[in-house]
Amino acid sequence: SAVVKWANGNNVPVVPVSSKVHFHGSTIPKQGGIVMDLGKMNRIIE
C-alpha cells in the first residue's frame, strides 16, 4: 500500500500483474511507470 500511495502522490502510473507470464515484455508501463506483481497477494487488508 505504501508503494501505491507513493505512486499516486507522484503521478507515477502503476501496472498491476498477477502472473509471471507478463514479465516477458507483454506488460510494459508508460515511461516512468512501474509494474507491480500481485501474484502472491492472498488477502485484502482494509
PDB file of N, CA and C in Angstrom:
ATOM      1  N   SER A   1       0.816  -1.188   0.000  1.00  0.00           N
ATOM      2  CA  SER A   1       0.000   0.000   0.000  1.00  0.00           C
ATOM      3  C   SER A   1       0.860   1.253   0.000  1.00  0.00           C
ATOM      4  N   ALA A   2       2.022   1.189   0.625  1.00  0.00           N
ATOM      5  CA  ALA A   2       2.913   2.356   0.657  1.00  0.00           C
ATOM      6  C   ALA A   2       3.398   2.705  -0.747  1.00  0.00           C
ATOM      7  N   VAL A   3       3.673   1.698  -1.558  1.00  0.00           N
ATOM      8  CA  VAL A   3       4.137   1.942  -2.926  1.00  0.00           C
ATOM      9  C   VAL A   3       3.037   2.603  -3.745  1.00  0.00           C
ATOM     10  N   VAL A   4       1.814   2.120  -3.607  1.00  0.00           N
ATOM     11  CA  VAL A   4       0.696   2.691  -4.357  1.00  0.00           C
ATOM     12  C   VAL A   4       0.430   4.128  -3.910  1.00  0.00           C
ATOM     13  N   LYS A   5       0.509   4.383  -2.619  1.00  0.00           N
ATOM     14  CA  LYS A   5       0.328   5.753  -2.119  1.00  0.00           C
ATOM     15  C   LYS A   5       1.413   6.673  -2.668  1.00  0.00           C
ATOM     16  N   TRP A   6       2.657   6.196  -2.665  1.00  0.00           N
ATOM     17  CA  TRP A   6       3.762   6.996  -3.196  1.00  0.00           C
ATOM     18  C   TRP A   6       3.542   7.274  -4.680  1.00  0.00           C
ATOM     19  N   ALA A   7       3.199   6.233  -5.439  1.00  0.00           N
ATOM     20  CA  ALA A   7       2.986   6.392  -6.877  1.00  0.00           C
ATOM     21  C   ALA A   7       1.857   7.383  -7.150  1.00  0.00           C
ATOM     22  N   ASN A   8       0.781   7.271  -6.406  1.00  0.00           N
ATOM     23  CA  ASN A   8      -0.350   8.186  -6.583  1.00  0.00           C
ATOM     24  C   ASN A   8       0.058   9.628  -6.281  1.00  0.00           C
ATOM     25  N   GLY A   9       0.805   9.833  -5.224  1.00  0.00           N
ATOM     26  CA  GLY A   9       1.238  11.172  -4.849  1.00  0.00           C
ATOM     27  C   GLY A   9       2.247  11.778  -5.796  1.00  0.00           C
ATOM     28  N   ASN A  10       2.927  10.932  -6.576  1.00  0.00           N
ATOM     29  CA  ASN A  10       3.954  11.402  -7.503  1.00  0.00           C
ATOM     30  C   ASN A  10       3.559  11.234  -8.968  1.00  0.00           C
ATOM     31  N   ASN A  11       2.273  10.957  -9.210  1.00  0.00           N
ATOM     32  CA  ASN A  11       1.762  10.778 -10.577  1.00  0.00           C
ATOM     33  C   ASN A  11       2.529   9.728 -11.371  1.00  0.00           C
ATOM     34  N   VAL A  12       2.872   8.633 -10.707  1.00  0.00           N
ATOM     35  CA  VAL A  12       3.580   7.529 -11.347  1.00  0.00           C
ATOM     36  C   VAL A  12       2.558   6.441 -11.677  1.00  0.00           C
ATOM     37  N   PRO A  13       2.418   6.067 -12.960  1.00  0.00           N
ATOM     38  CA  PRO A  13       1.459   5.029 -13.310  1.00  0.00           C
ATOM     39  C   PRO A  13       1.884   3.664 -12.772  1.00  0.00           C
ATOM     40  N   VAL A  14       0.913   2.903 -12.270  1.00  0.00           N
ATOM     41  CA  VAL A  14       1.162   1.561 -11.746  1.00  0.00           C
ATOM     42  C   VAL A  14       0.406   0.565 -12.615  1.00  0.00           C
ATOM     43  N   VAL A  15       1.116  -0.464 -13.097  1.00  0.00           N
ATOM     44  CA  VAL A  15       0.503  -1.525 -13.885  1.00  0.00           C
ATOM     45  C   VAL A  15       0.517  -2.788 -13.039  1.00  0.00           C
ATOM     46  N   PRO A  16      -0.640  -3.240 -12.544  1.00  0.00           N
ATOM     47  CA  PRO A  16      -0.669  -4.458 -11.736  1.00  0.00           C
ATOM     48  C   PRO A  16      -0.665  -5.699 -12.623  1.00  0.00           C
ATOM     49  N   VAL A  17       0.086  -6.711 -12.214  1.00  0.00           N
ATOM     50  CA  VAL A  17       0.073  -8.015 -12.886  1.00  0.00           C
ATOM     51  C   VAL A  17      -0.079  -9.090 -11.822  1.00  0.00           C
ATOM     52  N   SER A  18      -0.591 -10.246 -12.228  1.00  0.00           N
ATOM     53  CA  SER A  18      -0.809 -11.309 -11.254  1.00  0.00           C
ATOM     54  C   SER A  18      -0.126 -12.610 -11.624  1.00  0.00           C
ATOM     55  N   SER A  19       0.578 -12.640 -12.742  1.00  0.00           N
ATOM     56  CA  SER A  19       1.294 -13.861 -13.109  1.00  0.00           C
ATOM     57  C   SER A  19       2.598 -13.497 -13.796  1.00  0.00           C
ATOM     58  N   LYS A  20       3.542 -14.394 -13.733  1.00  0.00           N
ATOM     59  CA  LYS A  20       4.871 -14.142 -14.294  1.00  0.00           C
ATOM     60  C   LYS A  20       4.863 -14.112 -15.821  1.00  0.00           C
ATOM     61  N   VAL A  21       3.771 -14.537 -16.447  1.00  0.00           N
ATOM     62  CA  VAL A  21       3.669 -14.515 -17.904  1.00  0.00           C
ATOM     63  C   VAL A  21       3.904 -13.111 -18.439  1.00  0.00           C
ATOM     64  N   HIS A  22       3.474 -12.114 -17.691  1.00  0.00           N
ATOM     65  CA  HIS A  22       3.561 -10.731 -18.143  1.00  0.00           C
ATOM     66  C   HIS A  22       4.974 -10.156 -18.079  1.00  0.00           C
ATOM     67  N   PHE A  23       5.910 -10.839 -17.446  1.00  0.00           N
ATOM     68  CA  PHE A  23       7.263 -10.305 -17.331  1.00  0.00           C
ATOM     69  C   PHE A  23       8.111 -10.589 -18.567  1.00  0.00           C
ATOM     70  N   HIS A  24       7.518 -11.135 -19.613  1.00  0.00           N
ATOM     71  CA  HIS A  24       8.259 -11.421 -20.835  1.00  0.00           C
ATOM     72  C   HIS A  24       8.111 -10.303 -21.860  1.00  0.00           C
ATOM     73  N   GLY A  25       7.669  -9.138 -21.426  1.00  0.00           N
ATOM     74  CA  GLY A  25       7.592  -7.993 -22.314  1.00  0.00           C
ATOM     75  C   GLY A  25       6.197  -7.614 -22.752  1.00  0.00           C
ATOM     76  N   SER A  26       5.202  -8.420 -22.400  1.00  0.00           N
ATOM     77  CA  SER A  26       3.846  -8.085 -22.830  1.00  0.00           C
ATOM     78  C   SER A  26       3.208  -7.014 -21.945  1.00  0.00           C
ATOM     79  N   THR A  27       3.760  -6.803 -20.754  1.00  0.00           N
ATOM     80  CA  THR A  27       3.262  -5.754 -19.868  1.00  0.00           C
ATOM     81  C   THR A  27       4.334  -4.684 -19.763  1.00  0.00           C
ATOM     82  N   ILE A  28       4.115  -3.599 -20.440  1.00  0.00           N
ATOM     83  CA  ILE A  28       5.101  -2.518 -20.444  1.00  0.00           C
ATOM     84  C   ILE A  28       4.408  -1.256 -19.939  1.00  0.00           C
ATOM     85  N   PRO A  29       4.873  -0.710 -18.814  1.00  0.00           N
ATOM     86  CA  PRO A  29       4.246   0.508 -18.302  1.00  0.00           C
ATOM     87  C   PRO A  29       4.630   1.722 -19.139  1.00  0.00           C
ATOM     88  N   LYS A  30       3.862   2.786 -19.004  1.00  0.00           N
ATOM     89  CA  LYS A  30       4.236   4.047 -19.643  1.00  0.00           C
ATOM     90  C   LYS A  30       5.576   4.487 -19.081  1.00  0.00           C
ATOM     91  N   GLN A  31       6.275   5.331 -19.818  1.00  0.00           N
ATOM     92  CA  GLN A  31       7.577   5.808 -19.366  1.00  0.00           C
ATOM     93  C   GLN A  31       7.451   6.408 -17.972  1.00  0.00           C
ATOM     94  N   GLY A  32       8.314   5.961 -17.070  1.00  0.00           N
ATOM     95  CA  GLY A  32       8.291   6.441 -15.699  1.00  0.00           C
ATOM     96  C   GLY A  32       7.377   5.643 -14.791  1.00  0.00           C
ATOM     97  N   GLY A  33       6.637   4.687 -15.364  1.00  0.00           N
ATOM     98  CA  GLY A  33       5.715   3.874 -14.580  1.00  0.00           C
ATOM     99  C   GLY A  33       6.390   2.648 -13.992  1.00  0.00           C
ATOM    100  N   ILE A  34       5.653   1.933 -13.156  1.00  0.00           N
ATOM    101  CA  ILE A  34       6.175   0.720 -12.534  1.00  0.00           C
ATOM    102  C   ILE A  34       5.194  -0.429 -12.737  1.00  0.00           C
ATOM    103  N   VAL A  35       5.731  -1.650 -12.761  1.00  0.00           N
ATOM    104  CA  VAL A  35       4.929  -2.866 -12.811  1.00  0.00           C
ATOM    105  C   VAL A  35       4.934  -3.453 -11.411  1.00  0.00           C
ATOM    106  N   MET A  36       3.752  -3.734 -10.872  1.00  0.00           N
ATOM    107  CA  MET A  36       3.644  -4.274  -9.517  1.00  0.00           C
ATOM    108  C   MET A  36       3.093  -5.696  -9.592  1.00  0.00           C
ATOM    109  N   ASP A  37       3.891  -6.678  -9.143  1.00  0.00           N
ATOM    110  CA  ASP A  37       3.489  -8.083  -9.143  1.00  0.00           C
ATOM    111  C   ASP A  37       2.586  -8.354  -7.946  1.00  0.00           C
ATOM    112  N   LEU A  38       1.344  -8.711  -8.211  1.00  0.00           N
ATOM    113  CA  LEU A  38       0.382  -9.022  -7.158  1.00  0.00           C
ATOM    114  C   LEU A  38       0.142 -10.528  -7.054  1.00  0.00           C
ATOM    115  N   GLY A  39       1.012 -11.327  -7.677  1.00  0.00           N
ATOM    116  CA  GLY A  39       0.836 -12.770  -7.737  1.00  0.00           C
ATOM    117  C   GLY A  39       0.753 -13.462  -6.394  1.00  0.00           C
ATOM    118  N   LYS A  40       1.422 -12.950  -5.385  1.00  0.00           N
ATOM    119  CA  LYS A  40       1.405 -13.589  -4.067  1.00  0.00           C
ATOM    120  C   LYS A  40       0.407 -12.949  -3.111  1.00  0.00           C
ATOM    121  N   MET A  41      -0.345 -11.984  -3.613  1.00  0.00           N
ATOM    122  CA  MET A  41      -1.351 -11.341  -2.770  1.00  0.00           C
ATOM    123  C   MET A  41      -2.499 -12.322  -2.539  1.00  0.00           C
ATOM    124  N   ASN A  42      -2.793 -12.596  -1.268  1.00  0.00           N
ATOM    125  CA  ASN A  42      -3.834 -13.582  -0.983  1.00  0.00           C
ATOM    126  C   ASN A  42      -4.954 -13.044  -0.094  1.00  0.00           C
ATOM    127  N   ARG A  43      -4.893 -11.754   0.261  1.00  0.00           N
ATOM    128  CA  ARG A  43      -5.967 -11.168   1.058  1.00  0.00           C
ATOM    129  C   ARG A  43      -5.939  -9.651   0.917  1.00  0.00           C
ATOM    130  N   ILE A  44      -7.043  -9.041   1.265  1.00  0.00           N
ATOM    131  CA  ILE A  44      -7.153  -7.584   1.227  1.00  0.00           C
ATOM    132  C   ILE A  44      -7.215  -7.085   2.661  1.00  0.00           C
ATOM    133  N   ILE A  45      -6.332  -6.161   2.999  1.00  0.00           N
ATOM    134  CA  ILE A  45      -6.313  -5.563   4.332  1.00  0.00           C
ATOM    135  C   ILE A  45      -6.889  -4.162   4.201  1.00  0.00           C
ATOM    136  N   GLU A  46      -7.919  -3.885   4.948  1.00  0.00           N
ATOM    137  CA  GLU A  46      -8.559  -2.569   4.837  1.00  0.00           C
ATOM    138  C   GLU A  46      -8.034  -1.607   5.862  1.00  0.00           C
TER     139      GLU A  46
END
